[in-house]
Protein backbone atom coordinates (compact mmCIF):
# COMPACT_ATOMS: atom_id res chain seq x y z
CA UNK A 1 0.00 0.00 0.00
CA UNK A 2 1.54 3.32 -1.03
CA UNK A 3 2.86 5.56 1.75
CA UNK A 4 0.58 8.42 0.70
CA UNK A 5 -2.56 6.24 0.58
CA UNK A 6 -5.49 7.88 2.38
CA UNK A 7 -6.10 4.89 4.66
CA UNK A 8 -2.43 4.59 5.56
CA UNK A 9 -2.06 8.26 6.45
CA UNK A 10 -5.29 8.25 8.45
CA UNK A 11 -4.31 5.02 10.21
CA UNK A 12 -0.97 6.50 11.21
CA UNK A 13 -2.54 9.68 12.59
CA UNK A 14 -5.37 7.89 14.39
CA UNK A 15 -3.07 5.21 15.84
CA UNK A 16 -0.88 7.94 17.31
CA UNK A 17 -3.96 9.65 18.76
CA UNK A 18 -5.17 6.31 20.15
CA UNK A 19 -1.80 5.58 21.74
CA UNK A 20 -1.56 8.95 23.44
CA UNK A 21 -5.16 8.57 24.63
CA UNK A 22 -4.32 5.23 26.24
CA UNK A 23 -1.24 6.77 27.87
CA UNK A 24 -3.42 9.45 29.46
CA UNK A 25 -6.08 6.86 30.36
CA UNK A 26 -8.60 8.53 28.05
CA UNK A 27 -10.28 5.34 26.89
CA UNK A 28 -13.17 7.13 25.24
CA UNK A 29 -10.85 9.04 22.91
CA UNK A 30 -8.86 5.87 22.20
CA UNK A 31 -12.03 4.05 21.18
CA UNK A 32 -13.21 6.99 19.11
CA UNK A 33 -9.92 7.00 17.19
CA UNK A 34 -10.30 3.29 16.36
CA UNK A 35 -13.92 3.73 15.29
CA UNK A 36 -13.00 6.76 13.19
CA UNK A 37 -10.54 4.58 11.28
CA UNK A 38 -13.31 2.04 10.72
CA UNK A 39 -15.64 4.77 9.42
CA UNK A 40 -12.96 6.10 7.07
CA UNK A 41 -12.34 2.57 5.78
CA UNK A 42 -16.06 2.02 5.23
CA UNK A 43 -16.38 5.29 3.31
CA UNK A 44 -13.29 4.44 1.26
CA UNK A 45 -14.78 1.06 0.36
CA UNK A 46 -18.11 2.59 -0.65
CA UNK A 47 -16.41 5.24 -2.79
CA UNK A 48 -13.84 2.89 -4.34
CA UNK A 49 -16.33 0.08 -5.04
CA UNK A 50 -13.80 -2.75 -5.47
CA UNK A 51 -16.56 -5.05 -6.77
CA UNK A 52 -16.99 -2.68 -9.73
CA UNK A 53 -13.26 -2.56 -10.35
CA UNK A 54 -13.15 -6.36 -10.58
CA UNK A 55 -16.14 -6.42 -12.94
CA UNK A 56 -14.39 -3.87 -15.15
CA UNK A 57 -11.25 -6.02 -15.28
CA UNK A 58 -9.26 -3.65 -13.08
CA UNK A 59 -8.10 -6.45 -10.83
CA UNK A 60 -4.91 -4.80 -9.60
CA UNK A 61 -6.78 -1.66 -8.52
CA UNK A 62 -9.47 -3.78 -6.86
CA UNK A 63 -6.79 -5.77 -5.06
CA UNK A 64 -5.15 -2.59 -3.72
CA UNK A 65 -8.52 -1.34 -2.46
CA UNK A 66 -9.31 -4.62 -0.69
CA UNK A 67 -5.84 -4.96 0.83
CA UNK A 68 -5.98 -1.37 2.05
CA UNK A 69 -9.31 -1.96 3.72
CA UNK A 70 -8.17 -5.20 5.34
CA UNK A 71 -5.04 -3.51 6.65
CA UNK A 72 -7.11 -0.71 8.17
CA UNK A 73 -9.33 -3.32 9.85
CA UNK A 74 -6.22 -5.01 11.27
CA UNK A 75 -4.93 -1.70 12.63
CA UNK A 76 -8.33 -0.86 14.14
CA UNK A 77 -8.29 -4.27 15.88
CA UNK A 78 -4.87 -3.48 17.36
CA UNK A 79 -6.14 -0.10 18.52
CA UNK A 80 -9.14 -1.71 20.24
CA UNK A 81 -7.23 -4.58 21.86
CA UNK A 82 -6.67 -2.95 25.29
CA UNK A 83 -10.42 -2.35 25.68
CA UNK A 84 -11.97 -5.35 23.95
CA UNK A 85 -9.32 -8.06 23.64
CA UNK A 86 -11.79 -10.81 22.73
CA UNK A 87 -13.22 -8.79 19.84
CA UNK A 88 -9.74 -7.90 18.67
CA UNK A 89 -8.77 -11.58 18.67
CA UNK A 90 -11.90 -12.51 16.68
CA UNK A 91 -11.09 -9.86 14.09
CA UNK A 92 -7.52 -11.15 13.85
CA UNK A 93 -8.77 -14.71 13.37
CA UNK A 94 -11.19 -13.61 10.66
CA UNK A 95 -8.27 -11.95 8.90
CA UNK A 96 -6.37 -15.23 9.00
CA UNK A 97 -3.95 -14.45 11.84
CA UNK A 98 -3.45 -16.71 14.83
């Protein structure tokens, strides 16, 4: 995923915000940062429509969209782990991690 990709840059910013929120014991802000990443990923998926890219034969573009979304889901799971470790583990398992 390119360094300047919208999901990557947002993930980096929101992960830093989440981390500093945990350090100051501001769990609400930490959770909000993780959920904001999820919302951005959802909007990106709706706007990018990877299913349409695949139908149009643009497989490489569709692959980049899907991989970007999956990576943002993984990062959101990491961000949520201190508050909801069981949910984070389930997300990791669904992504194929052990």
